[in-house]
PDB file of N, CA and C in Angstrom:
ATOM      1  N   MET A   1      19.729  19.360  15.262  1.00  0.00           N
ATOM      2  CA  MET A   1      18.652  19.045  15.327  1.00  0.00           C
ATOM      3  C   MET A   1      18.147  18.593  13.936  1.00  0.00           C
ATOM      4  N   GLY A   2      18.690  18.579  12.986  1.00  0.00           N
ATOM      5  CA  GLY A   2      18.373  17.787  11.782  1.00  0.00           C
ATOM      6  C   GLY A   2      18.824  16.741  11.190  1.00  0.00           C
ATOM      7  N   THR A   3      20.174  16.382  12.201  1.00  0.00           N
ATOM      8  CA  THR A   3      20.838  14.907  11.849  1.00  0.00           C
ATOM      9  C   THR A   3      19.470  14.012  13.033  1.00  0.00           C
ATOM     10  N   TRP A   4      19.239  14.584  13.899  1.00  0.00           N
ATOM     11  CA  TRP A   4      18.462  13.854  15.023  1.00  0.00           C
ATOM     12  C   TRP A   4      17.050  13.605  14.229  1.00  0.00           C
ATOM     13  N   GLN A   5      16.348  14.332  13.427  1.00  0.00           N
ATOM     14  CA  GLN A   5      15.173  14.317  13.127  1.00  0.00           C
ATOM     15  C   GLN A   5      15.481  13.209  12.179  1.00  0.00           C
ATOM     16  N   SER A   6      16.503  13.416  11.120  1.00  0.00           N
ATOM     17  CA  SER A   6      16.902  12.067  10.313  1.00  0.00           C
ATOM     18  C   SER A   6      17.020  10.710  10.864  1.00  0.00           C
ATOM     19  N   SER A   7      17.522  10.939  11.689  1.00  0.00           N
ATOM     20  CA  SER A   7      17.930   9.531  12.565  1.00  0.00           C
ATOM     21  C   SER A   7      16.317   8.959  12.911  1.00  0.00           C
ATOM     22  N   SER A   8      15.624   9.793  13.635  1.00  0.00           N
ATOM     23  CA  SER A   8      14.363   9.379  14.080  1.00  0.00           C
ATOM     24  C   SER A   8      13.348   8.860  12.952  1.00  0.00           C
ATOM     25  N   ALA A   9      13.542   9.788  11.983  1.00  0.00           N
ATOM     26  CA  ALA A   9      12.858   9.094  11.057  1.00  0.00           C
ATOM     27  C   ALA A   9      13.298   7.914  10.277  1.00  0.00           C
ATOM     28  N   THR A  10      14.033   7.721  10.231  1.00  0.00           N
ATOM     29  CA  THR A  10      15.068   6.808   9.716  1.00  0.00           C
ATOM     30  C   THR A  10      14.423   5.597  10.550  1.00  0.00           C
ATOM     31  N   SER A  11      14.598   5.601  11.661  1.00  0.00           N
ATOM     32  CA  SER A  11      14.404   4.662  12.746  1.00  0.00           C
ATOM     33  C   SER A  11      12.867   4.264  13.012  1.00  0.00           C
ATOM     34  N   ASP A  12      12.134   5.130  12.765  1.00  0.00           N
ATOM     35  CA  ASP A  12      10.621   5.142  12.872  1.00  0.00           C
ATOM     36  C   ASP A  12      10.134   3.889  11.481  1.00  0.00           C
ATOM     37  N   ARG A  13      10.852   4.525  10.496  1.00  0.00           N
ATOM     38  CA  ARG A  13      10.514   3.604   8.948  1.00  0.00           C
ATOM     39  C   ARG A  13      10.692   2.124   9.017  1.00  0.00           C
ATOM     40  N   MET A  14      12.005   2.166   9.940  1.00  0.00           N
ATOM     41  CA  MET A  14      12.842   0.924   9.844  1.00  0.00           C
ATOM     42  C   MET A  14      11.688  -0.123  11.122  1.00  0.00           C
ATOM     43  N   GLN A  15      11.469   0.538  12.157  1.00  0.00           N
ATOM     44  CA  GLN A  15      10.630  -0.036  12.937  1.00  0.00           C
ATOM     45  C   GLN A  15       9.124  -0.588  11.996  1.00  0.00           C
ATOM     46  N   ARG A  16       8.668   0.054  11.783  1.00  0.00           N
ATOM     47  CA  ARG A  16       7.367   0.163  10.709  1.00  0.00           C
ATOM     48  C   ARG A  16       7.545  -1.364   9.917  1.00  0.00           C
ATOM     49  N   GLU A  17       8.510  -1.100   8.797  1.00  0.00           N
ATOM     50  CA  GLU A  17       8.806  -2.303   8.224  1.00  0.00           C
ATOM     51  C   GLU A  17       9.077  -3.375   8.839  1.00  0.00           C
ATOM     52  N   ASN A  18       9.600  -3.449  10.151  1.00  0.00           N
ATOM     53  CA  ASN A  18       9.882  -4.857  10.563  1.00  0.00           C
ATOM     54  C   ASN A  18       8.415  -5.574  11.268  1.00  0.00           C
ATOM     55  N   VAL A  19       7.460  -4.740  12.267  1.00  0.00           N
ATOM     56  CA  VAL A  19       6.241  -4.554  12.230  1.00  0.00           C
ATOM     57  C   VAL A  19       5.533  -5.397  11.084  1.00  0.00           C
ATOM     58  N   GLU A  20       5.599  -4.731   9.914  1.00  0.00           N
ATOM     59  CA  GLU A  20       4.874  -4.932   8.416  1.00  0.00           C
ATOM     60  C   GLU A  20       5.468  -6.618   8.491  1.00  0.00           C
ATOM     61  N   ARG A  21       6.735  -6.935   8.273  1.00  0.00           N
ATOM     62  CA  ARG A  21       7.110  -7.989   8.191  1.00  0.00           C
ATOM     63  C   ARG A  21       6.560  -9.360   8.937  1.00  0.00           C
ATOM     64  N   ILE A  22       6.389  -8.681   9.960  1.00  0.00           N
ATOM     65  CA  ILE A  22       5.957  -9.716  11.295  1.00  0.00           C
ATOM     66  C   ILE A  22       4.396 -10.013  10.816  1.00  0.00           C
ATOM     67  N   ARG A  23       3.636  -8.965  10.413  1.00  0.00           N
ATOM     68  CA  ARG A  23       2.473  -8.965  10.300  1.00  0.00           C
ATOM     69  C   ARG A  23       1.698  -9.610   8.898  1.00  0.00           C
ATOM     70  N   GLU A  24       2.780  -9.479   7.995  1.00  0.00           N
ATOM     71  CA  GLU A  24       2.858  -9.668   6.807  1.00  0.00           C
ATOM     72  C   GLU A  24       1.564  -9.200   6.328  1.00  0.00           C
ATOM     73  N   VAL A  25       2.121  -7.701   6.172  1.00  0.00           N
ATOM     74  CA  VAL A  25       1.296  -6.516   5.428  1.00  0.00           C
ATOM     75  C   VAL A  25       1.990  -5.855   4.499  1.00  0.00           C
ATOM     76  N   GLU A  26       1.122  -4.838   3.855  1.00  0.00           N
ATOM     77  CA  GLU A  26       2.103  -3.965   3.172  1.00  0.00           C
ATOM     78  C   GLU A  26       1.383  -2.493   3.271  1.00  0.00           C
ATOM     79  N   THR A  27       2.002  -1.277   3.436  1.00  0.00           N
ATOM     80  CA  THR A  27       1.164  -0.199   3.691  1.00  0.00           C
ATOM     81  C   THR A  27       1.344   0.693   2.632  1.00  0.00           C
ATOM     82  N   TYR A  28       0.234   0.767   2.039  1.00  0.00           N
ATOM     83  CA  TYR A  28      -0.097   1.564   0.930  1.00  0.00           C
ATOM     84  C   TYR A  28      -0.759   2.866   1.068  1.00  0.00           C
ATOM     85  N   ARG A  29      -0.873   3.532   0.296  1.00  0.00           N
ATOM     86  CA  ARG A  29      -1.157   5.052  -0.189  1.00  0.00           C
ATOM     87  C   ARG A  29      -2.965   4.852  -0.158  1.00  0.00           C
ATOM     88  N   ASP A  30      -3.663   5.482   0.440  1.00  0.00           N
ATOM     89  CA  ASP A  30      -5.282   5.144   0.167  1.00  0.00           C
ATOM     90  C   ASP A  30      -5.935   6.465  -0.185  1.00  0.00           C
ATOM     91  N   PRO A  31      -6.006   6.680  -1.399  1.00  0.00           N
ATOM     92  CA  PRO A  31      -6.419   7.614  -2.362  1.00  0.00           C
ATOM     93  C   PRO A  31      -7.750   8.115  -2.068  1.00  0.00           C
ATOM     94  N   HIS A  32      -8.472   7.092  -1.897  1.00  0.00           N
ATOM     95  CA  HIS A  32     -10.293   7.064  -1.633  1.00  0.00           C
ATOM     96  C   HIS A  32     -10.314   8.108  -0.152  1.00  0.00           C
ATOM     97  N   TYR A  33      -9.737   7.236   0.648  1.00  0.00           N
ATOM     98  CA  TYR A  33      -9.887   7.568   1.997  1.00  0.00           C
ATOM     99  C   TYR A  33      -9.005   8.233   2.491  1.00  0.00           C
ATOM    100  N   GLY A  34      -7.915   8.682   2.195  1.00  0.00           N
ATOM    101  CA  GLY A  34      -6.931   9.199   2.690  1.00  0.00           C
ATOM    102  C   GLY A  34      -6.360   8.652   3.604  1.00  0.00           C
ATOM    103  N   GLY A  35      -4.916   9.245   3.644  1.00  0.00           N
ATOM    104  CA  GLY A  35      -3.952   8.278   5.022  1.00  0.00           C
ATOM    105  C   GLY A  35      -3.420   7.260   4.441  1.00  0.00           C
ATOM    106  N   THR A  36      -3.381   5.833   5.007  1.00  0.00           N
ATOM    107  CA  THR A  36      -2.702   5.062   4.535  1.00  0.00           C
ATOM    108  C   THR A  36      -3.542   3.585   4.734  1.00  0.00           C
ATOM    109  N   VAL A  37      -3.142   2.440   4.160  1.00  0.00           N
ATOM    110  CA  VAL A  37      -4.367   1.275   4.434  1.00  0.00           C
ATOM    111  C   VAL A  37      -3.070   0.097   4.277  1.00  0.00           C
ATOM    112  N   GLN A  38      -3.202  -1.041   5.496  1.00  0.00           N
ATOM    113  CA  GLN A  38      -2.339  -2.121   5.379  1.00  0.00           C
ATOM    114  C   GLN A  38      -3.040  -3.231   4.677  1.00  0.00           C
ATOM    115  N   LEU A  39      -1.955  -4.157   3.602  1.00  0.00           N
ATOM    116  CA  LEU A  39      -2.878  -5.016   3.269  1.00  0.00           C
ATOM    117  C   LEU A  39      -2.030  -6.222   3.110  1.00  0.00           C
ATOM    118  N   SER A  40      -2.363  -7.224   2.634  1.00  0.00           N
ATOM    119  CA  SER A  40      -1.714  -8.312   2.665  1.00  0.00           C
ATOM    120  C   SER A  40      -0.576  -8.224   1.535  1.00  0.00           C
ATOM    121  N   ASN A  41       0.840  -8.837   1.962  1.00  0.00           N
ATOM    122  CA  ASN A  41       2.296  -8.807   1.303  1.00  0.00           C
ATOM    123  C   ASN A  41       2.260  -9.982   0.477  1.00  0.00           C
ATOM    124  N   HIS A  42       1.189 -10.698   0.546  1.00  0.00           N
ATOM    125  CA  HIS A  42       1.119 -11.994  -0.459  1.00  0.00           C
ATOM    126  C   HIS A  42       0.801 -11.616  -1.754  1.00  0.00           C
ATOM    127  N   TYR A  43       0.846 -10.420  -2.155  1.00  0.00           N
ATOM    128  CA  TYR A  43       0.367  -9.804  -3.510  1.00  0.00           C
ATOM    129  C   TYR A  43       1.475  -9.004  -3.623  1.00  0.00           C
ATOM    130  N   GLN A  44       1.580  -8.701  -5.164  1.00  0.00           N
ATOM    131  CA  GLN A  44       2.784  -7.661  -5.598  1.00  0.00           C
ATOM    132  C   GLN A  44       1.873  -6.354  -6.315  1.00  0.00           C
ATOM    133  N   HIS A  45       0.243  -6.790  -6.468  1.00  0.00           N
ATOM    134  CA  HIS A  45       0.090  -5.319  -6.877  1.00  0.00           C
ATOM    135  C   HIS A  45      -1.512  -5.021  -6.017  1.00  0.00           C
ATOM    136  N   ALA A  46      -1.786  -3.848  -6.123  1.00  0.00           N
ATOM    137  CA  ALA A  46      -2.879  -3.690  -4.937  1.00  0.00           C
ATOM    138  C   ALA A  46      -3.725  -2.524  -6.051  1.00  0.00           C
ATOM    139  N   TRP A  47      -4.931  -2.925  -5.891  1.00  0.00           N
ATOM    140  CA  TRP A  47      -5.794  -1.661  -6.738  1.00  0.00           C
ATOM    141  C   TRP A  47      -7.212  -1.235  -5.706  1.00  0.00           C
ATOM    142  N   GLN A  48      -7.793  -0.151  -5.497  1.00  0.00           N
ATOM    143  CA  GLN A  48      -9.173   0.376  -5.097  1.00  0.00           C
ATOM    144  C   GLN A  48     -10.102   0.668  -6.049  1.00  0.00           C
ATOM    145  N   LEU A  49     -11.197   0.101  -5.859  1.00  0.00           N
ATOM    146  CA  LEU A  49     -12.153   0.435  -6.977  1.00  0.00           C
ATOM    147  C   LEU A  49     -12.989   1.424  -6.633  1.00  0.00           C
ATOM    148  N   ARG A  50     -13.598   1.800  -7.512  1.00  0.00           N
ATOM    149  CA  ARG A  50     -14.577   3.418  -7.142  1.00  0.00           C
ATOM    150  C   ARG A  50     -14.724   3.588  -5.697  1.00  0.00           C
ATOM    151  N   ASP A  51     -15.696   2.071  -5.446  1.00  0.00           N
ATOM    152  CA  ASP A  51     -16.414   2.136  -4.292  1.00  0.00           C
ATOM    153  C   ASP A  51     -15.715   1.813  -2.846  1.00  0.00           C
ATOM    154  N   GLY A  52     -14.173   2.059  -3.407  1.00  0.00           N
ATOM    155  CA  GLY A  52     -13.532   2.132  -1.676  1.00  0.00           C
ATOM    156  C   GLY A  52     -12.916   0.446  -1.345  1.00  0.00           C
ATOM    157  N   THR A  53     -12.982  -0.796  -2.264  1.00  0.00           N
ATOM    158  CA  THR A  53     -13.216  -1.819  -2.012  1.00  0.00           C
ATOM    159  C   THR A  53     -11.441  -2.068  -2.496  1.00  0.00           C
ATOM    160  N   TYR A  54     -10.897  -3.039  -2.034  1.00  0.00           N
ATOM    161  CA  TYR A  54      -9.537  -3.459  -2.459  1.00  0.00           C
ATOM    162  C   TYR A  54      -9.371  -4.580  -3.289  1.00  0.00           C
ATOM    163  N   VAL A  55      -8.269  -4.633  -4.225  1.00  0.00           N
ATOM    164  CA  VAL A  55      -8.132  -6.000  -5.348  1.00  0.00           C
ATOM    165  C   VAL A  55      -6.886  -6.062  -5.103  1.00  0.00           C
ATOM    166  N   LEU A  56      -6.529  -7.117  -4.913  1.00  0.00           N
ATOM    167  CA  LEU A  56      -5.202  -7.999  -4.792  1.00  0.00           C
ATOM    168  C   LEU A  56      -4.724  -8.638  -5.507  1.00  0.00           C
ATOM    169  N   THR A  57      -3.315  -8.652  -6.341  1.00  0.00           N
ATOM    170  CA  THR A  57      -3.105  -9.828  -7.205  1.00  0.00           C
ATOM    171  C   THR A  57      -1.972  -9.991  -7.944  1.00  0.00           C
ATOM    172  N   ASN A  58      -1.423 -10.877  -8.375  1.00  0.00           N
ATOM    173  CA  ASN A  58       0.062 -10.990  -8.504  1.00  0.00           C
ATOM    174  C   ASN A  58       0.183 -10.580  -9.986  1.00  0.00           C
ATOM    175  N   ASP A  59      -1.021 -10.509 -11.228  1.00  0.00           N
ATOM    176  CA  ASP A  59      -0.591 -10.369 -12.661  1.00  0.00           C
ATOM    177  C   ASP A  59      -0.770  -9.127 -12.717  1.00  0.00           C
ATOM    178  N   ALA A  60       0.622  -8.729 -13.345  1.00  0.00           N
ATOM    179  CA  ALA A  60       1.100  -7.273 -13.693  1.00  0.00           C
ATOM    180  C   ALA A  60       0.261  -7.191 -14.584  1.00  0.00           C
ATOM    181  N   SER A  61      -0.821  -7.848 -15.505  1.00  0.00           N
ATOM    182  CA  SER A  61      -1.148  -6.946 -16.506  1.00  0.00           C
ATOM    183  C   SER A  61      -2.868  -7.066 -16.236  1.00  0.00           C
ATOM    184  N   PHE A  62      -2.879  -7.513 -14.832  1.00  0.00           N
ATOM    185  CA  PHE A  62      -4.573  -7.206 -14.450  1.00  0.00           C
ATOM    186  C   PHE A  62      -5.010  -5.824 -14.521  1.00  0.00           C
ATOM    187  N   ASP A  63      -6.561  -5.623 -14.879  1.00  0.00           N
ATOM    188  CA  ASP A  63      -6.672  -4.592 -15.516  1.00  0.00           C
ATOM    189  C   ASP A  63      -8.128  -4.589 -14.795  1.00  0.00           C
ATOM    190  N   PRO A  64      -8.494  -3.792 -13.590  1.00  0.00           N
ATOM    191  CA  PRO A  64     -10.009  -3.761 -12.944  1.00  0.00           C
ATOM    192  C   PRO A  64     -10.918  -3.428 -13.813  1.00  0.00           C
ATOM    193  N   ALA A  65     -11.113  -2.559 -14.844  1.00  0.00           N
ATOM    194  CA  ALA A  65     -11.794  -1.918 -15.675  1.00  0.00           C
ATOM    195  C   ALA A  65     -12.084  -2.781 -16.836  1.00  0.00           C
ATOM    196  N   ARG A  66     -11.238  -3.531 -17.228  1.00  0.00           N
ATOM    197  CA  ARG A  66     -11.443  -4.961 -18.343  1.00  0.00           C
ATOM    198  C   ARG A  66     -11.980  -6.088 -17.418  1.00  0.00           C
ATOM    199  N   ALA A  67     -11.740  -6.274 -16.207  1.00  0.00           N
ATOM    200  CA  ALA A  67     -12.183  -7.264 -15.620  1.00  0.00           C
ATOM    201  C   ALA A  67     -13.527  -7.446 -14.960  1.00  0.00           C
ATOM    202  N   PHE A  68     -13.710  -6.240 -14.037  1.00  0.00           N
ATOM    203  CA  PHE A  68     -14.803  -6.023 -13.220  1.00  0.00           C
ATOM    204  C   PHE A  68     -15.768  -4.585 -14.491  1.00  0.00           C
ATOM    205  N   GLY A  69     -15.356  -4.301 -15.125  1.00  0.00           N
ATOM    206  CA  GLY A  69     -15.603  -2.901 -15.571  1.00  0.00           C
ATOM    207  C   GLY A  69     -16.520  -1.817 -14.916  1.00  0.00           C
ATOM    208  N   VAL A  70     -15.213  -1.720 -13.859  1.00  0.00           N
ATOM    209  CA  VAL A  70     -15.205  -0.523 -13.062  1.00  0.00           C
ATOM    210  C   VAL A  70     -14.108   0.304 -12.761  1.00  0.00           C
ATOM    211  N   GLY A  71     -14.487   1.099 -12.489  1.00  0.00           N
ATOM    212  CA  GLY A  71     -13.249   2.401 -12.337  1.00  0.00           C
ATOM    213  C   GLY A  71     -12.351   2.024 -11.018  1.00  0.00           C
ATOM    214  N   ALA A  72     -11.071   1.882 -11.314  1.00  0.00           N
ATOM    215  CA  ALA A  72      -9.864   1.789 -10.513  1.00  0.00           C
ATOM    216  C   ALA A  72      -8.687   2.503 -10.263  1.00  0.00           C
ATOM    217  N   GLN A  73      -7.792   2.511  -9.014  1.00  0.00           N
ATOM    218  CA  GLN A  73      -6.690   3.130  -9.135  1.00  0.00           C
ATOM    219  C   GLN A  73      -5.545   2.118  -8.882  1.00  0.00           C
ATOM    220  N   ARG A  74      -4.714   2.286  -9.132  1.00  0.00           N
ATOM    221  CA  ARG A  74      -3.656   1.215  -8.532  1.00  0.00           C
ATOM    222  C   ARG A  74      -3.076   1.946  -7.510  1.00  0.00           C
ATOM    223  N   LEU A  75      -2.533   0.973  -6.387  1.00  0.00           N
ATOM    224  CA  LEU A  75      -2.146   1.684  -5.112  1.00  0.00           C
ATOM    225  C   LEU A  75      -0.699   1.575  -5.044  1.00  0.00           C
ATOM    226  N   GLU A  76      -0.165   2.918  -4.470  1.00  0.00           N
ATOM    227  CA  GLU A  76       1.192   3.552  -4.301  1.00  0.00           C
ATOM    228  C   GLU A  76       1.677   2.601  -2.942  1.00  0.00           C
ATOM    229  N   ARG A  77       2.903   1.963  -3.035  1.00  0.00           N
ATOM    230  CA  ARG A  77       3.302   1.557  -1.570  1.00  0.00           C
ATOM    231  C   ARG A  77       3.747   2.792  -0.987  1.00  0.00           C
ATOM    232  N   ALA A  78       3.320   2.890   0.259  1.00  0.00           N
ATOM    233  CA  ALA A  78       3.893   3.812   1.126  1.00  0.00           C
ATOM    234  C   ALA A  78       5.467   4.226   1.644  1.00  0.00           C
ATOM    235  N   PRO A  79       5.929   5.452   1.658  1.00  0.00           N
ATOM    236  CA  PRO A  79       7.394   5.172   1.842  1.00  0.00           C
ATOM    237  C   PRO A  79       7.897   4.984   3.360  1.00  0.00           C
TER     238      PRO A  79
END
């Protein structure tokens, strides 16, 4: 049973990743609303501002608090 569950989980993850590539999205954990959110995969970094909106950037040194003066949380990609 454990082998089947592990194989099924791997298959589900691979299917999700294939669909993400086709749709050009990446799945992130959503700390504000819970669950996950899919955002454009054209950016390397995703942030969620205090009001729940998202900021995407390729700038690794970007800091929303400095740029916008608001609190934010860096989003983690979902496994």
